[in-house]
Amino acid sequence: MSHNEQIIAGSAKHPIVPQHYRYGTAGFRMKADLLEGVTYRVGLLAALRSRKLNSQAIGVMITASHNPAIDNGVKIVDPMGDMLEQEWERYATALVNAPSDKDLAKIYNALATDLKIDLEAPAKVIYGRDTRPSGHTLVTALADALDATNTEHVDYKILTTPQLHYLVRATNSEGTPASYGEVSEVGYYKKLAEAFVRTMKGKRIPQVLQVDCANGVGGPKLKEFLKHIPQDKVPFAVQVVNDDVLRPEVLNLDSGADYVKTKQRAPPIPKPQPGLRCCSLDGDADRLIYYWHDPETNVFVMLDGDRISSLAASFIGDLVESAGLRDELRIGVVQTAYANGASTHYITQHLKLPVICTPTGVKHLHHVAQGFDVGVYFEANGHGTVLFSLDAINAFKKTTPQSPAQKEALDTLAALTDLINQTVGDAISDMLLVEVILAHKNWNLRDWALTYQDLPNRLVRVEVANKDVFRTTDAERRLSHPEGCQAEIDQEVKKFKDARSFARASGTENAMRVYAEAATRSEANELAERVAGIVSRWGV
């Protein structure tokens, strides 16, 4: 059979459910029973992408992250382990929306022609999936697309999303001076464990850490990773909970980072003991939230992505200062409009670091963070990382220290570049980073929480007739359309102390998200309700 015939025959085996699909920050994500045909077509695009990029390996991850078990998703990972280039989201959308099998082959060939892609060139795609049962079917559809296009492919089976990103970059850098690590799941564990030992420098972690794994892939992978930490060098007592991957229906159910962040309380099972240090991963282990129940005040205290961001920026900023590199390296923090105003004030006024606000979505933060030598980015939901430029990495390794303190700072910074996943937010890697910083500072969670006081905030979902009439500007912090709506919001905000509020369209539902913060809880709630009312009126 010709290429075209193979593509058409494969598509017939994995028919598309007709509706309009759009590639977004999470790739294509929806009810799993709609995804088989979509995943086949994503496989075709991944093959094109590899051939366009000189046969470098492209990744495909099958996951719906923090969504319920009945959902799934498929997204593409570029050669350096970052997200698919934005221009190619358009091509993905066009290919997936081809109305028939024959149209699919035509669009595939037209893309190859327009993008000057040699369809006879070698191509390679590597892929993994989370623990959802629907992953089996979707992986089969993906493999059929890769076979139809004569693309070499490797199935790494069940992985966390950050592990797949790691493997893509490691594959493409193998055998080069910029080698990212051993090309295997074990290579990922070894790299993190060795860097953890180097950064801890013999310091102790005094208390047990309870880790809620959302009954997702992070549970078994965290347990496997912990086997690689030499307990004689770094005793690290971890209690893994909510790690049931045998019952799909409990995935992300009343557990995980998204639950803790949105409900602002600990998972009900197991009920955390007062004073116990806790953190939660999400279903594919790329988000992290810390929390504990303060026994002195009887209050639940959450330490989210904003807190992790300011903690990392403070620690790394101090190390860069001690290393004598503050004038040579640009350090910056990237946030979204959802970042708590108190965290932004702390970073700009106390840490004296610049903060840039971007639209929601990790792809936006990652891109802006690359503009710094040390770019710290986290969404408030706990998804983020720290990026180091090549200049920064070289400075850490090649600067000749003039004192023992400078040498220790340089060594720690060099180790951090291996400990922190440079490709994407990684809950396991970020958890290790937090533990390192707390150990170095000799802080408990209360010490961390006392760095600044969060402004009370509220997030409200507002159903509207057509979310597309709402358009934003200023990194989604202001509405440009409908004209007049933002002016009404501004008038309400002026009535409250330390207040701000914004509204933006949901990426997945025909609804608006309204965020409000103010000096007191009651004022934040009232402001959110008033702005929700404005949005509701304008959205009719």
Protein backbone atom coordinates (compact mmCIF):
# COMPACT_ATOMS: atom_id res chain seq x y z
CA MET A 1 0.00 0.00 0.00
CA SER A 2 1.07 3.58 -0.62
CA HIS A 3 1.54 6.04 2.27
CA ASN A 4 -1.85 7.56 1.50
CA GLU A 5 -3.58 4.20 1.50
CA GLN A 6 -1.93 3.27 4.79
CA ILE A 7 -3.04 6.55 6.39
CA ILE A 8 -6.61 6.11 5.13
CA ALA A 9 -6.76 2.45 6.21
CA GLY A 10 -5.43 3.33 9.68
CA SER A 11 -7.90 6.18 10.05
CA ALA A 12 -10.77 3.84 9.17
CA LYS A 13 -9.71 1.62 12.10
CA HIS A 14 -9.81 4.61 14.46
CA PRO A 15 -12.75 6.76 13.30
CA ILE A 16 -13.15 10.32 14.48
CA VAL A 17 -16.29 11.45 16.33
CA PRO A 18 -17.43 14.53 14.33
CA GLN A 19 -17.23 17.78 16.32
CA HIS A 20 -14.84 20.73 16.43
CA TYR A 21 -11.57 19.95 18.22
CA ARG A 22 -8.98 22.53 19.27
CA TYR A 23 -5.40 21.96 20.42
CA GLY A 24 -4.82 23.98 23.61
CA THR A 25 -2.31 24.20 26.46
CA ALA A 26 -3.27 20.66 27.53
CA GLY A 27 -3.28 19.35 23.95
CA PHE A 28 -6.60 17.70 23.18
CA ARG A 29 -8.39 16.82 26.44
CA MET A 30 -11.96 15.52 26.77
CA LYS A 31 -14.06 12.42 27.49
CA ALA A 32 -11.87 9.44 26.66
CA ASP A 33 -14.41 7.84 24.30
CA LEU A 34 -14.00 10.80 21.91
CA LEU A 35 -10.22 10.52 21.71
CA GLU A 36 -9.34 7.40 19.71
CA GLY A 37 -9.57 9.07 16.29
CA VAL A 38 -8.02 12.25 17.67
CA THR A 39 -5.00 10.33 18.99
CA TYR A 40 -4.49 8.60 15.63
CA ARG A 41 -4.33 11.99 13.95
CA VAL A 42 -2.00 13.42 16.59
CA GLY A 43 0.33 10.53 15.73
CA LEU A 44 0.40 11.71 12.12
CA LEU A 45 1.30 15.24 13.24
CA ALA A 46 4.04 13.98 15.59
CA ALA A 47 5.58 12.10 12.63
CA LEU A 48 5.51 15.28 10.53
CA ARG A 49 7.05 17.27 13.38
CA SER A 50 9.96 14.83 13.76
CA ARG A 51 10.69 14.93 10.03
CA LYS A 52 10.50 18.73 10.00
CA LEU A 53 13.04 18.90 12.84
CA ASN A 54 15.75 16.78 11.20
CA SER A 55 14.47 13.45 12.59
CA GLN A 56 14.75 14.50 16.24
CA ALA A 57 12.56 12.50 18.61
CA ILE A 58 9.13 13.98 19.37
CA GLY A 59 7.15 12.97 22.46
CA VAL A 60 3.46 12.19 22.85
CA MET A 61 1.93 12.01 26.34
CA ILE A 62 -1.49 10.47 26.92
CA THR A 63 -2.96 11.92 30.11
CA ALA A 64 -5.77 14.09 31.45
CA SER A 65 -3.73 15.22 34.47
CA HIS A 66 -6.04 16.31 37.32
CA ASN A 67 -9.27 15.54 35.40
CA PRO A 68 -11.67 12.72 36.40
CA ALA A 69 -10.89 9.14 35.36
CA ILE A 70 -13.40 9.15 32.46
CA ASP A 71 -11.40 11.86 30.69
CA ASN A 72 -8.14 11.54 28.81
CA GLY A 73 -5.92 13.71 26.67
CA VAL A 74 -3.10 13.66 24.18
CA LYS A 75 -0.35 16.26 23.76
CA ILE A 76 2.91 16.62 21.88
CA VAL A 77 6.34 17.30 23.42
CA ASP A 78 9.02 19.08 21.39
CA PRO A 79 12.69 17.93 21.19
CA MET A 80 14.02 19.92 24.17
CA GLY A 81 11.21 18.56 26.34
CA ASP A 82 9.12 21.72 26.06
CA MET A 83 5.58 22.07 24.74
CA LEU A 84 4.66 21.96 21.07
CA GLU A 85 5.62 25.14 19.19
CA GLN A 86 2.57 27.41 19.17
CA GLU A 87 2.36 27.70 15.38
CA TRP A 88 1.97 23.94 15.16
CA GLU A 89 -1.13 23.99 17.39
CA ARG A 90 -2.91 25.33 14.30
CA TYR A 91 -1.69 22.41 12.20
CA ALA A 92 -2.78 19.93 14.88
CA THR A 93 -6.24 21.49 14.95
CA ALA A 94 -6.53 21.37 11.13
CA LEU A 95 -5.42 17.74 10.90
CA VAL A 96 -7.68 16.49 13.68
CA ASN A 97 -10.71 18.27 12.20
CA ALA A 98 -10.36 16.67 8.74
CA PRO A 99 -13.95 15.57 7.92
CA SER A 100 -13.09 12.24 6.27
CA ASP A 101 -10.27 9.70 5.99
CA LYS A 102 -9.46 10.91 2.46
CA ASP A 103 -9.49 14.54 3.58
CA LEU A 104 -7.12 13.55 6.38
CA ALA A 105 -4.59 12.16 3.88
CA LYS A 106 -4.95 15.31 1.75
CA ILE A 107 -4.36 17.67 4.68
CA TYR A 108 -1.40 15.55 5.84
CA ASN A 109 0.22 15.79 2.40
CA ALA A 110 -0.62 19.49 2.04
CA LEU A 111 1.07 20.21 5.39
CA ALA A 112 4.14 18.27 4.25
CA THR A 113 4.27 20.29 1.03
CA ASP A 114 3.68 23.68 2.66
CA LEU A 115 6.24 23.02 5.39
CA LYS A 116 8.77 21.48 2.99
CA ILE A 117 8.86 18.15 4.85
CA ASP A 118 10.50 15.13 3.22
CA LEU A 119 8.08 12.26 3.93
CA GLU A 120 10.83 9.71 3.17
CA ALA A 121 13.14 11.08 5.88
CA PRO A 122 13.50 9.08 9.11
CA ALA A 123 11.27 10.03 12.05
CA LYS A 124 11.08 9.01 15.71
CA VAL A 125 8.32 9.38 18.29
CA ILE A 126 8.43 8.26 21.94
CA TYR A 127 5.35 8.10 24.12
CA GLY A 128 3.91 7.27 27.51
CA ARG A 129 0.58 7.31 29.33
CA ASP A 130 -0.84 7.68 32.82
CA THR A 131 -2.79 4.98 34.67
CA ARG A 132 -6.21 5.53 33.01
CA PRO A 133 -7.63 2.34 31.45
CA SER A 134 -8.49 4.27 28.26
CA GLY A 135 -4.76 4.76 27.69
CA HIS A 136 -4.47 1.23 26.21
CA THR A 137 -6.83 2.05 23.32
CA LEU A 138 -5.27 5.44 22.67
CA VAL A 139 -1.72 4.06 22.58
CA THR A 140 -2.86 1.50 19.99
CA ALA A 141 -4.30 4.29 17.81
CA LEU A 142 -1.10 6.32 18.17
CA ALA A 143 1.11 3.35 17.24
CA ASP A 144 -1.02 2.63 14.16
CA ALA A 145 -0.51 6.21 12.93
CA LEU A 146 3.25 5.90 13.44
CA ASP A 147 3.34 2.57 11.60
CA ALA A 148 1.28 4.05 8.74
CA THR A 149 3.87 6.81 8.31
CA ASN A 150 6.91 4.52 8.67
CA THR A 151 7.96 6.25 11.91
CA GLU A 152 10.23 4.61 14.47
CA HIS A 153 8.53 4.62 17.87
CA VAL A 154 9.21 3.62 21.45
CA ASP A 155 6.48 2.93 24.01
CA TYR A 156 7.66 3.79 27.54
CA LYS A 157 4.31 2.63 28.90
CA ILE A 158 3.15 4.15 32.22
CA LEU A 159 5.00 7.36 33.17
CA THR A 160 4.46 10.67 34.88
CA THR A 161 4.18 13.54 32.40
CA PRO A 162 7.53 15.06 33.54
CA GLN A 163 9.26 11.69 33.02
CA LEU A 164 8.15 11.67 29.37
CA HIS A 165 9.44 15.24 28.94
CA TYR A 166 12.75 14.15 30.51
CA LEU A 167 13.03 11.17 28.16
CA VAL A 168 12.42 13.30 25.05
CA ARG A 169 15.21 15.71 25.95
CA ALA A 170 17.55 12.92 27.06
CA THR A 171 16.96 11.07 23.77
CA ASN A 172 17.77 14.13 21.67
CA SER A 173 20.84 15.13 23.68
CA GLU A 174 22.30 11.62 24.02
CA GLY A 175 26.00 11.52 23.18
CA THR A 176 26.35 15.32 23.05
CA PRO A 177 28.14 17.70 25.46
CA ALA A 178 24.66 18.89 26.50
CA SER A 179 23.54 15.37 27.51
CA TYR A 180 20.51 15.69 29.78
CA GLY A 181 20.77 12.26 31.38
CA GLU A 182 20.54 8.53 30.80
CA VAL A 183 17.74 7.62 28.35
CA SER A 184 15.61 5.51 30.67
CA GLU A 185 13.15 5.81 33.52
CA VAL A 186 15.91 4.65 35.89
CA GLY A 187 18.14 7.39 34.45
CA TYR A 188 15.55 9.95 35.58
CA TYR A 189 15.55 8.53 39.12
CA LYS A 190 19.34 8.39 39.30
CA LYS A 191 19.76 11.98 38.10
CA LEU A 192 17.32 13.37 40.67
CA ALA A 193 18.62 11.22 43.53
CA GLU A 194 22.27 12.11 42.93
CA ALA A 195 21.44 15.83 42.64
CA PHE A 196 19.34 15.62 45.84
CA VAL A 197 22.30 14.20 47.77
CA ARG A 198 24.62 16.90 46.37
CA THR A 199 22.28 19.76 47.24
CA MET A 200 21.44 18.48 50.73
CA LYS A 201 25.13 18.44 51.71
CA GLY A 202 24.48 16.12 54.64
CA LYS A 203 21.69 18.25 56.10
CA ARG A 204 18.78 16.49 57.79
CA ILE A 205 15.04 16.48 57.15
CA PRO A 206 13.68 16.34 60.70
CA GLN A 207 10.08 15.26 60.11
CA VAL A 208 8.05 12.78 58.08
CA LEU A 209 6.52 14.11 54.86
CA GLN A 210 3.11 12.71 53.90
CA VAL A 211 2.66 12.75 50.12
CA ASP A 212 -0.83 12.45 48.63
CA CYS A 213 -0.48 11.08 45.08
CA ALA A 214 -4.11 11.60 43.91
CA ASN A 215 -4.36 7.83 43.26
CA GLY A 216 -2.44 8.49 40.06
CA VAL A 217 0.81 7.55 38.37
CA GLY A 218 2.86 9.61 40.86
CA GLY A 219 2.28 7.00 43.59
CA PRO A 220 4.18 4.05 42.11
CA LYS A 221 6.78 6.33 40.51
CA LEU A 222 7.52 8.17 43.77
CA LYS A 223 7.93 4.84 45.58
CA GLU A 224 10.33 3.68 42.87
CA PHE A 225 12.30 6.93 43.06
CA LEU A 226 12.69 6.73 46.86
CA LYS A 227 14.62 3.44 46.45
CA HIS A 228 17.39 5.46 44.78
CA ILE A 229 17.97 7.82 47.72
CA PRO A 230 20.79 6.53 49.95
CA GLN A 231 19.19 6.79 53.39
CA ASP A 232 22.61 6.68 55.06
CA LYS A 233 23.47 9.99 53.33
CA VAL A 234 20.05 11.69 53.33
CA PRO A 235 17.50 10.11 55.66
CA PHE A 236 14.17 11.07 54.05
CA ALA A 237 11.04 9.67 55.68
CA VAL A 238 8.15 9.77 53.20
CA GLN A 239 4.69 8.40 53.85
CA VAL A 240 2.98 7.82 50.49
CA VAL A 241 -0.86 7.98 50.64
CA ASN A 242 -3.66 7.94 48.06
CA ASP A 243 -1.65 5.69 45.76
CA ASP A 244 -4.39 3.25 44.66
CA VAL A 245 -3.89 2.86 40.90
CA LEU A 246 -5.89 -0.38 40.67
CA ARG A 247 -9.29 1.32 40.98
CA PRO A 248 -9.56 3.86 38.13
CA GLU A 249 -12.64 5.49 39.63
CA VAL A 250 -10.64 6.96 42.54
CA LEU A 251 -8.12 8.82 40.34
CA ASN A 252 -8.11 12.49 41.49
CA LEU A 253 -11.20 11.79 43.61
CA ASP A 254 -11.20 13.94 46.77
CA SER A 255 -7.40 14.03 46.60
CA GLY A 256 -4.50 15.59 44.76
CA ALA A 257 -3.07 19.08 44.26
CA ASP A 258 -6.08 20.40 42.35
CA TYR A 259 -8.45 19.32 45.15
CA VAL A 260 -6.33 21.00 47.83
CA LYS A 261 -5.95 24.22 45.84
CA THR A 262 -9.58 24.63 44.78
CA LYS A 263 -11.22 23.39 48.01
CA GLN A 264 -8.55 25.02 50.21
CA ARG A 265 -8.53 22.04 52.54
CA ALA A 266 -6.69 18.74 52.98
CA PRO A 267 -7.96 15.56 51.33
CA PRO A 268 -10.44 13.86 53.70
CA ILE A 269 -8.57 10.54 53.53
CA PRO A 270 -6.33 10.07 55.35
CA LYS A 271 -7.21 12.88 57.71
CA PRO A 272 -3.88 14.66 58.33
CA GLN A 273 -2.72 14.81 61.92
CA PRO A 274 -2.20 18.34 63.29
CA GLY A 275 1.38 19.44 62.68
CA LEU A 276 2.11 16.73 60.07
CA ARG A 277 3.93 18.05 57.00
CA CYS A 278 1.93 17.21 53.88
CA CYS A 279 2.00 17.78 50.15
CA SER A 280 -0.14 16.68 47.21
CA LEU A 281 0.75 15.82 43.62
CA ASP A 282 -1.87 15.76 40.86
CA GLY A 283 -2.88 12.79 38.70
CA ASP A 284 0.11 12.96 36.32
CA ALA A 285 2.57 14.37 38.90
CA ASP A 286 3.33 17.77 37.40
CA ARG A 287 1.65 19.93 40.11
CA LEU A 288 2.61 20.29 43.76
CA ILE A 289 0.90 21.91 46.76
CA TYR A 290 2.23 21.83 50.36
CA TYR A 291 0.01 22.23 53.43
CA TRP A 292 -0.42 21.39 57.10
CA HIS A 293 -2.91 21.82 59.91
CA ASP A 294 -1.35 24.26 62.35
CA PRO A 295 -1.88 22.76 65.84
CA GLU A 296 -1.35 26.15 67.55
CA THR A 297 -4.02 28.07 65.65
CA ASN A 298 -6.16 25.10 64.52
CA VAL A 299 -6.03 26.53 60.98
CA PHE A 300 -5.41 24.79 57.64
CA VAL A 301 -2.40 26.42 55.96
CA MET A 302 -1.79 25.96 52.22
CA LEU A 303 1.55 26.66 50.52
CA ASP A 304 0.77 26.79 46.81
CA GLY A 305 2.65 27.56 43.61
CA ASP A 306 3.07 31.23 44.57
CA ARG A 307 4.70 30.16 47.84
CA ILE A 308 7.01 27.65 46.10
CA SER A 309 7.96 30.33 43.57
CA SER A 310 8.90 32.92 46.21
CA LEU A 311 10.75 30.28 48.28
CA ALA A 312 12.81 29.18 45.27
CA ALA A 313 13.50 32.75 44.13
CA SER A 314 14.65 33.75 47.63
CA PHE A 315 16.96 30.75 48.03
CA ILE A 316 18.48 30.86 44.55
CA GLY A 317 18.83 34.65 44.70
CA ASP A 318 20.80 34.36 47.95
CA LEU A 319 23.03 31.66 46.45
CA VAL A 320 23.73 33.76 43.34
CA GLU A 321 24.66 36.66 45.65
CA SER A 322 26.99 34.41 47.70
CA ALA A 323 28.51 33.10 44.48
CA GLY A 324 29.40 36.66 43.45
CA LEU A 325 27.28 36.47 40.30
CA ARG A 326 24.42 38.88 41.08
CA ASP A 327 25.71 41.50 38.60
CA GLU A 328 26.30 38.93 35.86
CA LEU A 329 23.04 36.96 35.90
CA ARG A 330 19.48 38.21 35.46
CA ILE A 331 17.05 36.55 37.89
CA GLY A 332 13.33 36.98 37.36
CA VAL A 333 9.97 35.53 38.39
CA VAL A 334 7.07 34.84 36.04
CA GLN A 335 3.48 34.69 37.30
CA THR A 336 -0.08 34.74 35.97
CA ALA A 337 -2.96 37.00 36.99
CA TYR A 338 -4.01 34.31 39.50
CA ALA A 339 -0.86 34.87 41.59
CA ASN A 340 -1.73 36.29 45.00
CA GLY A 341 -0.96 40.01 45.15
CA ALA A 342 0.92 39.52 48.42
CA SER A 343 3.37 37.15 46.74
CA THR A 344 4.03 39.64 43.93
CA HIS A 345 4.64 42.40 46.49
CA TYR A 346 7.00 40.16 48.52
CA ILE A 347 9.07 39.24 45.44
CA THR A 348 9.34 42.79 44.07
CA GLN A 349 9.70 44.72 47.37
CA HIS A 350 11.48 42.26 49.68
CA LEU A 351 13.46 40.05 47.29
CA LYS A 352 14.00 42.98 44.88
CA LEU A 353 13.40 40.76 41.84
CA PRO A 354 11.43 41.64 38.70
CA VAL A 355 8.06 39.94 38.15
CA ILE A 356 6.49 39.50 34.70
CA CYS A 357 2.83 38.53 34.34
CA THR A 358 1.78 36.34 31.40
CA PRO A 359 -1.52 34.85 30.24
CA THR A 360 -2.58 31.62 31.97
CA GLY A 361 -0.94 28.46 30.64
CA VAL A 362 2.49 27.00 31.34
CA LYS A 363 3.61 27.45 27.73
CA HIS A 364 3.40 31.24 28.21
CA LEU A 365 5.30 31.24 31.51
CA HIS A 366 7.99 28.86 30.23
CA HIS A 367 8.67 31.03 27.18
CA VAL A 368 9.05 34.24 29.23
CA ALA A 369 11.18 32.50 31.89
CA GLN A 370 13.66 31.55 29.15
CA GLY A 371 14.45 35.26 28.81
CA PHE A 372 16.19 35.26 32.22
CA ASP A 373 19.44 33.57 33.25
CA VAL A 374 17.48 32.19 36.20
CA GLY A 375 13.76 32.17 35.41
CA VAL A 376 11.44 31.05 38.23
CA TYR A 377 7.90 30.32 37.10
CA PHE A 378 4.94 28.75 38.88
CA GLU A 379 1.23 28.97 38.41
CA ALA A 380 -0.71 29.32 41.65
CA ASN A 381 -2.01 25.76 41.06
CA GLY A 382 1.48 24.38 41.80
CA HIS A 383 2.71 23.79 38.24
CA GLY A 384 6.12 25.28 37.56
CA THR A 385 9.90 25.01 37.58
CA VAL A 386 13.13 27.05 37.47
CA LEU A 387 15.01 27.47 34.19
CA PHE A 388 18.75 28.13 33.99
CA SER A 389 20.39 29.63 30.89
CA LEU A 390 23.55 28.14 29.40
CA ASP A 391 25.42 31.24 30.63
CA ALA A 392 24.21 30.59 34.18
CA ILE A 393 25.13 26.89 34.09
CA ASN A 394 28.61 27.72 32.77
CA ALA A 395 29.07 30.41 35.43
CA PHE A 396 28.19 27.95 38.22
CA LYS A 397 30.65 25.37 36.91
CA LYS A 398 33.54 27.54 35.71
CA THR A 399 33.75 30.46 38.17
CA THR A 400 36.89 30.13 40.31
CA PRO A 401 35.80 30.49 43.96
CA GLN A 402 37.66 32.98 46.16
CA SER A 403 36.39 31.58 49.47
CA PRO A 404 34.85 28.38 50.93
CA ALA A 405 31.46 30.12 51.15
CA GLN A 406 31.58 31.07 47.48
CA LYS A 407 32.60 27.52 46.54
CA GLU A 408 29.68 26.06 48.50
CA ALA A 409 27.23 28.44 46.79
CA LEU A 410 28.59 27.58 43.32
CA ASP A 411 28.46 23.82 44.04
CA THR A 412 24.89 24.06 45.31
CA LEU A 413 23.77 26.07 42.27
CA ALA A 414 25.38 23.56 39.91
CA ALA A 415 23.60 20.70 41.70
CA LEU A 416 20.26 22.58 41.52
CA THR A 417 20.47 22.65 37.71
CA ASP A 418 20.30 18.84 37.82
CA LEU A 419 17.76 18.59 40.65
CA ILE A 420 15.22 20.91 38.99
CA ASN A 421 13.52 19.50 35.90
CA GLN A 422 14.44 21.95 33.12
CA THR A 423 11.80 20.71 30.70
CA VAL A 424 8.52 21.17 32.55
CA GLY A 425 6.97 21.51 36.00
CA ASP A 426 7.65 18.25 37.85
CA ALA A 427 5.97 17.58 41.21
CA ILE A 428 8.59 15.08 42.41
CA SER A 429 11.51 17.32 41.42
CA ASP A 430 9.80 20.41 42.91
CA MET A 431 9.10 18.51 46.14
CA LEU A 432 12.81 17.70 46.46
CA LEU A 433 13.65 21.36 45.80
CA VAL A 434 11.33 22.50 48.60
CA GLU A 435 12.86 19.93 50.99
CA VAL A 436 16.38 21.11 50.13
CA ILE A 437 15.51 24.77 50.72
CA LEU A 438 13.73 24.13 54.02
CA ALA A 439 16.68 22.00 55.21
CA HIS A 440 19.22 24.69 54.27
CA LYS A 441 17.19 27.43 55.95
CA ASN A 442 16.36 25.14 58.91
CA TRP A 443 12.70 26.12 58.46
CA ASN A 444 9.50 24.28 59.23
CA LEU A 445 6.26 24.95 57.32
CA ARG A 446 5.22 27.67 59.79
CA ASP A 447 8.47 29.57 59.15
CA TRP A 448 7.81 29.32 55.41
CA ALA A 449 4.20 30.50 55.78
CA LEU A 450 5.27 33.54 57.82
CA THR A 451 7.29 35.08 54.96
CA TYR A 452 4.17 37.02 53.93
CA GLN A 453 0.41 37.01 54.55
CA ASP A 454 -1.74 35.98 51.58
CA LEU A 455 -4.53 38.35 50.63
CA PRO A 456 -7.92 36.61 50.96
CA ASN A 457 -9.20 35.61 47.52
CA ARG A 458 -12.14 33.97 45.81
CA LEU A 459 -12.60 32.26 42.44
CA VAL A 460 -16.11 32.10 40.96
CA ARG A 461 -17.37 30.30 37.85
CA VAL A 462 -20.03 32.18 35.87
CA GLU A 463 -22.04 30.48 33.12
CA VAL A 464 -22.62 32.76 30.12
CA ALA A 465 -24.43 32.45 26.78
CA ASN A 466 -21.22 32.93 24.78
CA LYS A 467 -17.82 33.20 26.44
CA ASP A 468 -16.26 34.31 23.13
CA VAL A 469 -17.73 37.81 23.44
CA PHE A 470 -15.25 38.34 26.31
CA ARG A 471 -11.74 39.25 25.21
CA THR A 472 -8.80 40.14 27.44
CA THR A 473 -5.69 42.29 27.35
CA ASP A 474 -2.79 42.99 29.75
CA ALA A 475 -1.96 39.28 30.34
CA GLU A 476 -5.67 38.50 30.90
CA ARG A 477 -5.95 41.02 33.73
CA ARG A 478 -8.37 43.34 31.92
CA LEU A 479 -11.31 42.89 29.54
CA SER A 480 -11.11 44.72 26.23
CA HIS A 481 -14.52 43.40 25.11
CA PRO A 482 -17.41 43.81 25.58
CA GLU A 483 -16.62 47.53 25.74
CA GLY A 484 -17.76 49.02 29.02
CA CYS A 485 -17.63 45.82 31.06
CA GLN A 486 -14.13 46.49 32.47
CA ALA A 487 -15.12 50.01 33.49
CA GLU A 488 -17.90 48.56 35.65
CA ILE A 489 -15.47 46.08 37.23
CA ASP A 490 -13.02 48.93 37.95
CA GLN A 491 -15.71 50.88 39.77
CA GLU A 492 -16.43 47.93 42.07
CA VAL A 493 -12.74 47.27 42.79
CA LYS A 494 -12.29 50.88 43.96
CA LYS A 495 -14.79 50.28 46.78
CA PHE A 496 -12.54 47.74 48.56
CA LYS A 497 -9.12 47.91 50.26
CA ASP A 498 -6.08 46.21 48.62
CA ALA A 499 -8.47 44.86 46.00
CA ARG A 500 -8.20 43.61 42.46
CA SER A 501 -10.42 41.46 40.28
CA PHE A 502 -10.42 40.12 36.75
CA ALA A 503 -12.54 37.89 34.54
CA ARG A 504 -11.35 35.55 31.82
CA ALA A 505 -12.97 32.89 29.67
CA SER A 506 -12.55 29.23 30.63
CA GLY A 507 -10.37 27.25 28.25
CA THR A 508 -12.61 24.17 28.39
CA GLU A 509 -16.17 25.32 29.21
CA ASN A 510 -18.62 27.95 28.01
CA ALA A 511 -18.11 29.89 31.22
CA MET A 512 -16.13 32.76 32.73
CA ARG A 513 -13.74 32.62 35.67
CA VAL A 514 -13.88 35.57 38.05
CA TYR A 515 -10.99 36.09 40.48
CA ALA A 516 -11.10 38.63 43.30
CA GLU A 517 -8.87 39.48 46.25
CA ALA A 518 -9.16 42.08 48.98
CA ALA A 519 -7.97 42.93 52.49
CA THR A 520 -10.51 40.68 54.25
CA ARG A 521 -12.24 37.39 53.46
CA SER A 522 -15.71 38.96 53.49
CA GLU A 523 -14.60 41.77 51.16
CA ALA A 524 -12.99 39.30 48.73
CA ASN A 525 -16.20 37.26 48.67
CA GLU A 526 -18.37 40.33 48.17
CA LEU A 527 -16.17 41.69 45.39
CA ALA A 528 -16.16 38.33 43.60
CA GLU A 529 -19.96 38.14 43.74
CA ARG A 530 -20.37 41.72 42.46
CA VAL A 531 -17.97 41.15 39.54
CA ALA A 532 -19.65 37.82 38.77
CA GLY A 533 -22.95 39.70 38.56
CA ILE A 534 -21.43 42.22 36.11
CA VAL A 535 -20.02 39.44 33.93
CA SER A 536 -23.32 37.58 34.02
CA ARG A 537 -25.21 40.69 32.80
CA TRP A 538 -22.75 41.38 29.98
CA GLY A 539 -22.65 37.70 28.97
CA VAL A 540 -26.36 37.39 28.12
